[in-house]
Amino acid sequence: MDLDANQIGSRRVTLYDGPIESVLREDFGTLEGPARLYGRVWTAGPQVVIRYYAAHPMDGDKVPICAVARLGDDQMRKLPESKPGTAILDGSVAAAFVVDAFR
């Protein structure tokens, strides 16, 4: 998925604490791409945390979900030039994973 609907295709993406709208590139379970995912970003630690609470299919109403954005090998790690309240990532694409609960 594209992490930020406003920065699709960017080599680097800058995320801010607060709400986020992501775009699925491919189908995600019963959700067909390019459905939108709505969630929240936290940038306080060494890695950005993104939790999704709603999905909006192209042909339907919003539905509640419990999912997180993930990449392997510390790829969600903020770049050193990230300012407080922001996270600059080297890449704008990640995977979404459904979880039972947020930790």
PDB file of N, CA and C in Angstrom:
ATOM      1  N   MET A   1       0.840  -1.178   0.000  1.00  0.00           N
ATOM      2  CA  MET A   1       0.000   0.000   0.000  1.00  0.00           C
ATOM      3  C   MET A   1       0.879   1.232   0.000  1.00  0.00           C
ATOM      4  N   ASP A   2       0.318   2.307  -0.503  1.00  0.00           N
ATOM      5  CA  ASP A   2       0.976   3.609  -0.420  1.00  0.00           C
ATOM      6  C   ASP A   2       0.649   4.197   0.949  1.00  0.00           C
ATOM      7  N   LEU A   3       1.680   4.523   1.713  1.00  0.00           N
ATOM      8  CA  LEU A   3       1.473   4.991   3.082  1.00  0.00           C
ATOM      9  C   LEU A   3       0.642   6.257   3.167  1.00  0.00           C
ATOM     10  N   ASP A   4       0.908   7.223   2.312  1.00  0.00           N
ATOM     11  CA  ASP A   4       0.197   8.501   2.381  1.00  0.00           C
ATOM     12  C   ASP A   4      -0.435   8.800   1.028  1.00  0.00           C
ATOM     13  N   ALA A   5      -1.754   8.926   1.007  1.00  0.00           N
ATOM     14  CA  ALA A   5      -2.481   9.187  -0.240  1.00  0.00           C
ATOM     15  C   ALA A   5      -2.026  10.476  -0.910  1.00  0.00           C
ATOM     16  N   ASN A   6      -1.418  11.373  -0.158  1.00  0.00           N
ATOM     17  CA  ASN A   6      -0.959  12.647  -0.718  1.00  0.00           C
ATOM     18  C   ASN A   6       0.488  12.614  -1.207  1.00  0.00           C
ATOM     19  N   GLN A   7       1.171  11.482  -1.007  1.00  0.00           N
ATOM     20  CA  GLN A   7       2.579  11.389  -1.406  1.00  0.00           C
ATOM     21  C   GLN A   7       2.846  10.118  -2.213  1.00  0.00           C
ATOM     22  N   ILE A   8       1.869   9.678  -2.992  1.00  0.00           N
ATOM     23  CA  ILE A   8       2.003   8.443  -3.775  1.00  0.00           C
ATOM     24  C   ILE A   8       3.170   8.576  -4.748  1.00  0.00           C
ATOM     25  N   GLY A   9       4.009   7.549  -4.775  1.00  0.00           N
ATOM     26  CA  GLY A   9       5.132   7.520  -5.708  1.00  0.00           C
ATOM     27  C   GLY A   9       6.379   8.249  -5.245  1.00  0.00           C
ATOM     28  N   SER A  10       6.344   8.833  -4.073  1.00  0.00           N
ATOM     29  CA  SER A  10       7.522   9.555  -3.570  1.00  0.00           C
ATOM     30  C   SER A  10       8.631   8.575  -3.197  1.00  0.00           C
ATOM     31  N   ARG A  11       9.871   8.964  -3.447  1.00  0.00           N
ATOM     32  CA  ARG A  11      11.003   8.139  -3.036  1.00  0.00           C
ATOM     33  C   ARG A  11      11.124   8.144  -1.512  1.00  0.00           C
ATOM     34  N   ARG A  12      10.943   9.306  -0.930  1.00  0.00           N
ATOM     35  CA  ARG A  12      10.906   9.455   0.528  1.00  0.00           C
ATOM     36  C   ARG A  12       9.555  10.031   0.897  1.00  0.00           C
ATOM     37  N   VAL A  13       9.063   9.629   2.055  1.00  0.00           N
ATOM     38  CA  VAL A  13       7.777  10.136   2.512  1.00  0.00           C
ATOM     39  C   VAL A  13       7.970  10.751   3.893  1.00  0.00           C
ATOM     40  N   THR A  14       7.318  11.876   4.129  1.00  0.00           N
ATOM     41  CA  THR A  14       7.332  12.520   5.438  1.00  0.00           C
ATOM     42  C   THR A  14       5.958  12.343   6.063  1.00  0.00           C
ATOM     43  N   LEU A  15       5.935  11.688   7.218  1.00  0.00           N
ATOM     44  CA  LEU A  15       4.689  11.457   7.948  1.00  0.00           C
ATOM     45  C   LEU A  15       4.682  12.323   9.197  1.00  0.00           C
ATOM     46  N   TYR A  16       3.491  12.717   9.608  1.00  0.00           N
ATOM     47  CA  TYR A  16       3.313  13.587  10.769  1.00  0.00           C
ATOM     48  C   TYR A  16       2.444  12.888  11.800  1.00  0.00           C
ATOM     49  N   ASP A  17       2.675  13.193  13.080  1.00  0.00           N
ATOM     50  CA  ASP A  17       1.798  12.679  14.128  1.00  0.00           C
ATOM     51  C   ASP A  17       0.363  13.053  13.799  1.00  0.00           C
ATOM     52  N   GLY A  18      -0.543  12.084  13.910  1.00  0.00           N
ATOM     53  CA  GLY A  18      -1.948  12.380  13.667  1.00  0.00           C
ATOM     54  C   GLY A  18      -2.559  11.474  12.626  1.00  0.00           C
ATOM     55  N   PRO A  19      -3.672  11.910  12.044  1.00  0.00           N
ATOM     56  CA  PRO A  19      -4.414  11.065  11.109  1.00  0.00           C
ATOM     57  C   PRO A  19      -3.648  10.821   9.806  1.00  0.00           C
ATOM     58  N   ILE A  20      -3.941   9.659   9.201  1.00  0.00           N
ATOM     59  CA  ILE A  20      -3.327   9.310   7.919  1.00  0.00           C
ATOM     60  C   ILE A  20      -4.351   8.595   7.045  1.00  0.00           C
ATOM     61  N   GLU A  21      -4.237   8.811   5.748  1.00  0.00           N
ATOM     62  CA  GLU A  21      -5.044   8.107   4.754  1.00  0.00           C
ATOM     63  C   GLU A  21      -4.076   7.381   3.828  1.00  0.00           C
ATOM     64  N   SER A  22      -4.155   6.053   3.808  1.00  0.00           N
ATOM     65  CA  SER A  22      -3.304   5.231   2.956  1.00  0.00           C
ATOM     66  C   SER A  22      -4.146   4.606   1.855  1.00  0.00           C
ATOM     67  N   VAL A  23      -3.490   4.136   0.787  1.00  0.00           N
ATOM     68  CA  VAL A  23      -4.190   3.572  -0.368  1.00  0.00           C
ATOM     69  C   VAL A  23      -3.657   2.172  -0.648  1.00  0.00           C
ATOM     70  N   LEU A  24      -4.566   1.191  -0.671  1.00  0.00           N
ATOM     71  CA  LEU A  24      -4.171  -0.172  -1.020  1.00  0.00           C
ATOM     72  C   LEU A  24      -3.835  -0.252  -2.499  1.00  0.00           C
ATOM     73  N   ARG A  25      -2.713  -0.859  -2.828  1.00  0.00           N
ATOM     74  CA  ARG A  25      -2.349  -1.086  -4.226  1.00  0.00           C
ATOM     75  C   ARG A  25      -2.961  -2.385  -4.737  1.00  0.00           C
ATOM     76  N   GLU A  26      -3.130  -3.350  -3.835  1.00  0.00           N
ATOM     77  CA  GLU A  26      -3.642  -4.669  -4.186  1.00  0.00           C
ATOM     78  C   GLU A  26      -4.780  -5.017  -3.240  1.00  0.00           C
ATOM     79  N   ASP A  27      -5.473  -6.104  -3.561  1.00  0.00           N
ATOM     80  CA  ASP A  27      -6.546  -6.571  -2.694  1.00  0.00           C
ATOM     81  C   ASP A  27      -5.977  -6.948  -1.328  1.00  0.00           C
ATOM     82  N   PHE A  28      -6.784  -6.728  -0.304  1.00  0.00           N
ATOM     83  CA  PHE A  28      -6.406  -6.991   1.083  1.00  0.00           C
ATOM     84  C   PHE A  28      -7.569  -7.743   1.708  1.00  0.00           C
ATOM     85  N   GLY A  29      -7.522  -9.073   1.656  1.00  0.00           N
ATOM     86  CA  GLY A  29      -8.667  -9.864   2.094  1.00  0.00           C
ATOM     87  C   GLY A  29      -9.842  -9.583   1.180  1.00  0.00           C
ATOM     88  N   THR A  30     -10.962  -9.182   1.754  1.00  0.00           N
ATOM     89  CA  THR A  30     -12.149  -8.874   0.951  1.00  0.00           C
ATOM     90  C   THR A  30     -12.152  -7.439   0.430  1.00  0.00           C
ATOM     91  N   LEU A  31     -11.181  -6.639   0.836  1.00  0.00           N
ATOM     92  CA  LEU A  31     -11.075  -5.259   0.341  1.00  0.00           C
ATOM     93  C   LEU A  31     -10.318  -5.253  -0.980  1.00  0.00           C
ATOM     94  N   GLU A  32     -10.911  -4.661  -1.985  1.00  0.00           N
ATOM     95  CA  GLU A  32     -10.251  -4.569  -3.279  1.00  0.00           C
ATOM     96  C   GLU A  32      -9.503  -3.245  -3.384  1.00  0.00           C
ATOM     97  N   GLY A  33      -8.276  -3.313  -3.916  1.00  0.00           N
ATOM     98  CA  GLY A  33      -7.535  -2.088  -4.178  1.00  0.00           C
ATOM     99  C   GLY A  33      -8.251  -1.300  -5.255  1.00  0.00           C
ATOM    100  N   PRO A  34      -8.243  -0.008  -5.225  1.00  0.00           N
ATOM    101  CA  PRO A  34      -7.514   0.903  -4.340  1.00  0.00           C
ATOM    102  C   PRO A  34      -8.345   1.422  -3.167  1.00  0.00           C
ATOM    103  N   ALA A  35      -8.795   0.546  -2.293  1.00  0.00           N
ATOM    104  CA  ALA A  35      -9.526   0.983  -1.102  1.00  0.00           C
ATOM    105  C   ALA A  35      -8.629   1.895  -0.262  1.00  0.00           C
ATOM    106  N   ARG A  36      -9.243   2.723   0.541  1.00  0.00           N
ATOM    107  CA  ARG A  36      -8.517   3.637   1.441  1.00  0.00           C
ATOM    108  C   ARG A  36      -8.508   3.055   2.847  1.00  0.00           C
ATOM    109  N   LEU A  37      -7.397   3.235   3.550  1.00  0.00           N
ATOM    110  CA  LEU A  37      -7.292   2.869   4.961  1.00  0.00           C
ATOM    111  C   LEU A  37      -7.096   4.147   5.760  1.00  0.00           C
ATOM    112  N   TYR A  38      -7.796   4.251   6.871  1.00  0.00           N
ATOM    113  CA  TYR A  38      -7.715   5.439   7.724  1.00  0.00           C
ATOM    114  C   TYR A  38      -7.165   5.047   9.085  1.00  0.00           C
ATOM    115  N   GLY A  39      -6.223   5.817   9.570  1.00  0.00           N
ATOM    116  CA  GLY A  39      -5.616   5.485  10.843  1.00  0.00           C
ATOM    117  C   GLY A  39      -4.909   6.660  11.469  1.00  0.00           C
ATOM    118  N   ARG A  40      -3.924   6.309  12.291  1.00  0.00           N
ATOM    119  CA  ARG A  40      -3.202   7.315  13.072  1.00  0.00           C
ATOM    120  C   ARG A  40      -1.714   6.981  13.058  1.00  0.00           C
ATOM    121  N   VAL A  41      -0.892   8.028  13.039  1.00  0.00           N
ATOM    122  CA  VAL A  41       0.569   7.903  13.017  1.00  0.00           C
ATOM    123  C   VAL A  41       1.144   8.393  14.340  1.00  0.00           C
ATOM    124  N   TRP A  42       2.134   7.644  14.851  1.00  0.00           N
ATOM    125  CA  TRP A  42       2.925   8.072  16.008  1.00  0.00           C
ATOM    126  C   TRP A  42       4.386   8.076  15.583  1.00  0.00           C
ATOM    127  N   THR A  43       5.090   9.168  15.861  1.00  0.00           N
ATOM    128  CA  THR A  43       6.478   9.312  15.417  1.00  0.00           C
ATOM    129  C   THR A  43       7.471   9.442  16.568  1.00  0.00           C
ATOM    130  N   ALA A  44       7.048   9.248  17.805  1.00  0.00           N
ATOM    131  CA  ALA A  44       7.894   9.556  18.964  1.00  0.00           C
ATOM    132  C   ALA A  44       9.119   8.652  19.107  1.00  0.00           C
ATOM    133  N   GLY A  45       9.041   7.399  18.764  1.00  0.00           N
ATOM    134  CA  GLY A  45      10.166   6.480  18.952  1.00  0.00           C
ATOM    135  C   GLY A  45      11.090   6.440  17.751  1.00  0.00           C
ATOM    136  N   PRO A  46      11.996   5.460  17.733  1.00  0.00           N
ATOM    137  CA  PRO A  46      12.930   5.338  16.616  1.00  0.00           C
ATOM    138  C   PRO A  46      12.261   4.881  15.319  1.00  0.00           C
ATOM    139  N   GLN A  47      11.106   4.237  15.447  1.00  0.00           N
ATOM    140  CA  GLN A  47      10.357   3.799  14.273  1.00  0.00           C
ATOM    141  C   GLN A  47       8.964   4.403  14.301  1.00  0.00           C
ATOM    142  N   VAL A  48       8.438   4.693  13.136  1.00  0.00           N
ATOM    143  CA  VAL A  48       7.083   5.219  13.040  1.00  0.00           C
ATOM    144  C   VAL A  48       6.097   4.075  13.277  1.00  0.00           C
ATOM    145  N   VAL A  49       4.994   4.375  13.954  1.00  0.00           N
ATOM    146  CA  VAL A  49       3.926   3.404  14.198  1.00  0.00           C
ATOM    147  C   VAL A  49       2.672   3.913  13.498  1.00  0.00           C
ATOM    148  N   ILE A  50       2.058   3.049  12.695  1.00  0.00           N
ATOM    149  CA  ILE A  50       0.812   3.403  12.014  1.00  0.00           C
ATOM    150  C   ILE A  50      -0.214   2.332  12.332  1.00  0.00           C
ATOM    151  N   ARG A  51      -1.339   2.756  12.891  1.00  0.00           N
ATOM    152  CA  ARG A  51      -2.448   1.854  13.214  1.00  0.00           C
ATOM    153  C   ARG A  51      -3.673   2.293  12.430  1.00  0.00           C
ATOM    154  N   TYR A  52      -4.331   1.325  11.807  1.00  0.00           N
ATOM    155  CA  TYR A  52      -5.522   1.614  11.005  1.00  0.00           C
ATOM    156  C   TYR A  52      -6.769   1.134  11.728  1.00  0.00           C
ATOM    157  N   TYR A  53      -7.798   1.978  11.714  1.00  0.00           N
ATOM    158  CA  TYR A  53      -9.049   1.670  12.401  1.00  0.00           C
ATOM    159  C   TYR A  53     -10.244   1.606  11.455  1.00  0.00           C
ATOM    160  N   ALA A  54     -10.095   2.012  10.196  1.00  0.00           N
ATOM    161  CA  ALA A  54     -11.216   1.981   9.247  1.00  0.00           C
ATOM    162  C   ALA A  54     -10.696   1.781   7.832  1.00  0.00           C
ATOM    163  N   ALA A  55     -11.524   1.127   7.021  1.00  0.00           N
ATOM    164  CA  ALA A  55     -11.242   0.956   5.596  1.00  0.00           C
ATOM    165  C   ALA A  55     -12.450   1.439   4.820  1.00  0.00           C
ATOM    166  N   HIS A  56     -12.199   2.024   3.657  1.00  0.00           N
ATOM    167  CA  HIS A  56     -13.290   2.522   2.816  1.00  0.00           C
ATOM    168  C   HIS A  56     -13.151   1.906   1.425  1.00  0.00           C
ATOM    169  N   PRO A  57     -13.925   0.836   1.164  1.00  0.00           N
ATOM    170  CA  PRO A  57     -13.893   0.238  -0.171  1.00  0.00           C
ATOM    171  C   PRO A  57     -14.409   1.230  -1.205  1.00  0.00           C
ATOM    172  N   MET A  58     -13.960   1.076  -2.431  1.00  0.00           N
ATOM    173  CA  MET A  58     -14.382   1.979  -3.502  1.00  0.00           C
ATOM    174  C   MET A  58     -15.888   1.921  -3.738  1.00  0.00           C
ATOM    175  N   ASP A  59     -16.493   0.770  -3.478  1.00  0.00           N
ATOM    176  CA  ASP A  59     -17.914   0.592  -3.791  1.00  0.00           C
ATOM    177  C   ASP A  59     -18.791   0.423  -2.555  1.00  0.00           C
ATOM    178  N   GLY A  60     -18.356   0.951  -1.420  1.00  0.00           N
ATOM    179  CA  GLY A  60     -19.159   0.740  -0.224  1.00  0.00           C
ATOM    180  C   GLY A  60     -18.883   1.749   0.866  1.00  0.00           C
ATOM    181  N   ASP A  61     -19.440   1.451   2.026  1.00  0.00           N
ATOM    182  CA  ASP A  61     -19.287   2.309   3.195  1.00  0.00           C
ATOM    183  C   ASP A  61     -18.030   1.930   3.973  1.00  0.00           C
ATOM    184  N   LYS A  62     -17.580   2.844   4.825  1.00  0.00           N
ATOM    185  CA  LYS A  62     -16.443   2.556   5.694  1.00  0.00           C
ATOM    186  C   LYS A  62     -16.772   1.387   6.609  1.00  0.00           C
ATOM    187  N   VAL A  63     -15.748   0.571   6.877  1.00  0.00           N
ATOM    188  CA  VAL A  63     -15.887  -0.558   7.792  1.00  0.00           C
ATOM    189  C   VAL A  63     -14.753  -0.488   8.817  1.00  0.00           C
ATOM    190  N   PRO A  64     -15.025  -0.910  10.051  1.00  0.00           N
ATOM    191  CA  PRO A  64     -13.965  -0.893  11.057  1.00  0.00           C
ATOM    192  C   PRO A  64     -12.955  -2.015  10.804  1.00  0.00           C
ATOM    193  N   ILE A  65     -11.688  -1.725  11.040  1.00  0.00           N
ATOM    194  CA  ILE A  65     -10.636  -2.734  10.960  1.00  0.00           C
ATOM    195  C   ILE A  65      -9.654  -2.498  12.098  1.00  0.00           C
ATOM    196  N   CYS A  66      -8.788  -3.454  12.305  1.00  0.00           N
ATOM    197  CA  CYS A  66      -7.701  -3.335  13.271  1.00  0.00           C
ATOM    198  C   CYS A  66      -6.458  -3.841  12.546  1.00  0.00           C
ATOM    199  N   ALA A  67      -5.638  -2.927  12.046  1.00  0.00           N
ATOM    200  CA  ALA A  67      -4.477  -3.298  11.237  1.00  0.00           C
ATOM    201  C   ALA A  67      -3.325  -2.340  11.507  1.00  0.00           C
ATOM    202  N   VAL A  68      -2.130  -2.785  11.148  1.00  0.00           N
ATOM    203  CA  VAL A  68      -0.932  -1.965  11.309  1.00  0.00           C
ATOM    204  C   VAL A  68      -0.124  -1.984  10.013  1.00  0.00           C
ATOM    205  N   ALA A  69       0.699  -0.962   9.821  1.00  0.00           N
ATOM    206  CA  ALA A  69       1.634  -0.920   8.695  1.00  0.00           C
ATOM    207  C   ALA A  69       2.955  -1.514   9.164  1.00  0.00           C
ATOM    208  N   ARG A  70       3.535  -2.378   8.315  1.00  0.00           N
ATOM    209  CA  ARG A  70       4.808  -3.009   8.677  1.00  0.00           C
ATOM    210  C   ARG A  70       5.690  -3.196   7.452  1.00  0.00           C
ATOM    211  N   LEU A  71       6.975  -3.219   7.730  1.00  0.00           N
ATOM    212  CA  LEU A  71       8.009  -3.611   6.771  1.00  0.00           C
ATOM    213  C   LEU A  71       9.065  -4.367   7.557  1.00  0.00           C
ATOM    214  N   GLY A  72       9.832  -5.208   6.896  1.00  0.00           N
ATOM    215  CA  GLY A  72      10.876  -5.959   7.578  1.00  0.00           C
ATOM    216  C   GLY A  72      12.163  -5.164   7.704  1.00  0.00           C
ATOM    217  N   ASP A  73      13.069  -5.688   8.520  1.00  0.00           N
ATOM    218  CA  ASP A  73      14.427  -5.154   8.652  1.00  0.00           C
ATOM    219  C   ASP A  73      14.482  -3.670   8.991  1.00  0.00           C
ATOM    220  N   ASP A  74      13.708  -3.244   9.958  1.00  0.00           N
ATOM    221  CA  ASP A  74      13.736  -1.849  10.440  1.00  0.00           C
ATOM    222  C   ASP A  74      13.413  -0.813   9.373  1.00  0.00           C
ATOM    223  N   GLN A  75      12.646  -1.181   8.374  1.00  0.00           N
ATOM    224  CA  GLN A  75      12.341  -0.248   7.297  1.00  0.00           C
ATOM    225  C   GLN A  75      11.390   0.865   7.724  1.00  0.00           C
ATOM    226  N   MET A  76      10.706   0.704   8.845  1.00  0.00           N
ATOM    227  CA  MET A  76       9.845   1.776   9.349  1.00  0.00           C
ATOM    228  C   MET A  76      10.637   2.707  10.276  1.00  0.00           C
ATOM    229  N   ARG A  77      11.954   2.509  10.301  1.00  0.00           N
ATOM    230  CA  ARG A  77      12.823   3.359  11.121  1.00  0.00           C
ATOM    231  C   ARG A  77      12.924   4.745  10.496  1.00  0.00           C
ATOM    232  N   LYS A  78      12.788   5.757  11.346  1.00  0.00           N
ATOM    233  CA  LYS A  78      12.880   7.140  10.880  1.00  0.00           C
ATOM    234  C   LYS A  78      14.310   7.458  10.460  1.00  0.00           C
ATOM    235  N   LEU A  79      14.433   8.294   9.449  1.00  0.00           N
ATOM    236  CA  LEU A  79      15.756   8.768   9.049  1.00  0.00           C
ATOM    237  C   LEU A  79      16.240   9.813  10.054  1.00  0.00           C
ATOM    238  N   PRO A  80      17.556   9.938  10.236  1.00  0.00           N
ATOM    239  CA  PRO A  80      18.103  10.847  11.256  1.00  0.00           C
ATOM    240  C   PRO A  80      17.660  12.299  11.103  1.00  0.00           C
ATOM    241  N   GLU A  81      17.366  12.732   9.895  1.00  0.00           N
ATOM    242  CA  GLU A  81      16.967  14.133   9.703  1.00  0.00           C
ATOM    243  C   GLU A  81      15.511  14.418  10.073  1.00  0.00           C
ATOM    244  N   SER A  82      14.790  13.419  10.573  1.00  0.00           N
ATOM    245  CA  SER A  82      13.399  13.624  10.995  1.00  0.00           C
ATOM    246  C   SER A  82      13.340  14.593  12.169  1.00  0.00           C
ATOM    247  N   LYS A  83      12.490  15.581  12.072  1.00  0.00           N
ATOM    248  CA  LYS A  83      12.290  16.560  13.147  1.00  0.00           C
ATOM    249  C   LYS A  83      11.254  16.011  14.137  1.00  0.00           C
ATOM    250  N   PRO A  84      11.198  16.553  15.357  1.00  0.00           N
ATOM    251  CA  PRO A  84      10.179  16.119  16.316  1.00  0.00           C
ATOM    252  C   PRO A  84       8.773  16.245  15.720  1.00  0.00           C
ATOM    253  N   GLY A  85       7.963  15.212  15.922  1.00  0.00           N
ATOM    254  CA  GLY A  85       6.598  15.210  15.397  1.00  0.00           C
ATOM    255  C   GLY A  85       6.486  14.746  13.961  1.00  0.00           C
ATOM    256  N   THR A  86       7.632  14.392  13.354  1.00  0.00           N
ATOM    257  CA  THR A  86       7.629  13.899  11.977  1.00  0.00           C
ATOM    258  C   THR A  86       8.468  12.631  11.876  1.00  0.00           C
ATOM    259  N   ALA A  87       8.240  11.900  10.800  1.00  0.00           N
ATOM    260  CA  ALA A  87       9.059  10.731  10.486  1.00  0.00           C
ATOM    261  C   ALA A  87       9.313  10.742   8.990  1.00  0.00           C
ATOM    262  N   ILE A  88      10.573  10.838   8.611  1.00  0.00           N
ATOM    263  CA  ILE A  88      10.937  10.730   7.204  1.00  0.00           C
ATOM    264  C   ILE A  88      11.366   9.288   6.978  1.00  0.00           C
ATOM    265  N   LEU A  89      10.715   8.630   6.017  1.00  0.00           N
ATOM    266  CA  LEU A  89      11.019   7.237   5.694  1.00  0.00           C
ATOM    267  C   LEU A  89      11.615   7.160   4.299  1.00  0.00           C
ATOM    268  N   ASP A  90      12.531   6.234   4.123  1.00  0.00           N
ATOM    269  CA  ASP A  90      13.155   6.024   2.818  1.00  0.00           C
ATOM    270  C   ASP A  90      12.280   5.064   2.018  1.00  0.00           C
ATOM    271  N   GLY A  91      11.220   5.593   1.446  1.00  0.00           N
ATOM    272  CA  GLY A  91      10.250   4.799   0.692  1.00  0.00           C
ATOM    273  C   GLY A  91       8.848   5.157   1.125  1.00  0.00           C
ATOM    274  N   SER A  92       7.895   4.952   0.239  1.00  0.00           N
ATOM    275  CA  SER A  92       6.518   5.362   0.530  1.00  0.00           C
ATOM    276  C   SER A  92       5.536   4.199   0.526  1.00  0.00           C
ATOM    277  N   VAL A  93       6.055   2.961   0.491  1.00  0.00           N
ATOM    278  CA  VAL A  93       5.199   1.780   0.394  1.00  0.00           C
ATOM    279  C   VAL A  93       5.461   0.864   1.582  1.00  0.00           C
ATOM    280  N   ALA A  94       4.397   0.263   2.121  1.00  0.00           N
ATOM    281  CA  ALA A  94       4.503  -0.710   3.209  1.00  0.00           C
ATOM    282  C   ALA A  94       3.402  -1.741   3.029  1.00  0.00           C
ATOM    283  N   ALA A  95       3.367  -2.709   3.924  1.00  0.00           N
ATOM    284  CA  ALA A  95       2.315  -3.724   3.917  1.00  0.00           C
ATOM    285  C   ALA A  95       1.404  -3.493   5.117  1.00  0.00           C
ATOM    286  N   ALA A  96       0.137  -3.849   4.962  1.00  0.00           N
ATOM    287  CA  ALA A  96      -0.822  -3.774   6.070  1.00  0.00           C
ATOM    288  C   ALA A  96      -1.047  -5.182   6.601  1.00  0.00           C
ATOM    289  N   PHE A  97      -1.114  -5.308   7.921  1.00  0.00           N
ATOM    290  CA  PHE A  97      -1.360  -6.585   8.567  1.00  0.00           C
ATOM    291  C   PHE A  97      -2.509  -6.433   9.549  1.00  0.00           C
ATOM    292  N   VAL A  98      -3.488  -7.315   9.453  1.00  0.00           N
ATOM    293  CA  VAL A  98      -4.597  -7.333  10.407  1.00  0.00           C
ATOM    294  C   VAL A  98      -4.074  -7.885  11.727  1.00  0.00           C
ATOM    295  N   VAL A  99      -4.474  -7.261  12.835  1.00  0.00           N
ATOM    296  CA  VAL A  99      -4.078  -7.708  14.165  1.00  0.00           C
ATOM    297  C   VAL A  99      -5.322  -7.859  15.035  1.00  0.00           C
ATOM    298  N   ASP A 100      -5.194  -8.667  16.095  1.00  0.00           N
ATOM    299  CA  ASP A 100      -6.318  -8.862  17.017  1.00  0.00           C
ATOM    300  C   ASP A 100      -6.576  -7.621  17.857  1.00  0.00           C
ATOM    301  N   ALA A 101      -5.497  -6.937  18.215  1.00  0.00           N
ATOM    302  CA  ALA A 101      -5.601  -5.733  19.049  1.00  0.00           C
ATOM    303  C   ALA A 101      -4.332  -4.916  18.878  1.00  0.00           C
ATOM    304  N   PHE A 102      -4.411  -3.625  19.201  1.00  0.00           N
ATOM    305  CA  PHE A 102      -3.228  -2.775  19.172  1.00  0.00           C
ATOM    306  C   PHE A 102      -2.473  -2.941  20.479  1.00  0.00           C
ATOM    307  N   ARG A 103      -1.144  -2.944  20.419  1.00  0.00           N
ATOM    308  CA  ARG A 103      -0.319  -3.098  21.625  1.00  0.00           C
ATOM    309  C   ARG A 103       0.400  -1.820  21.939  1.00  0.00           C
TER     310      ARG A 103
END
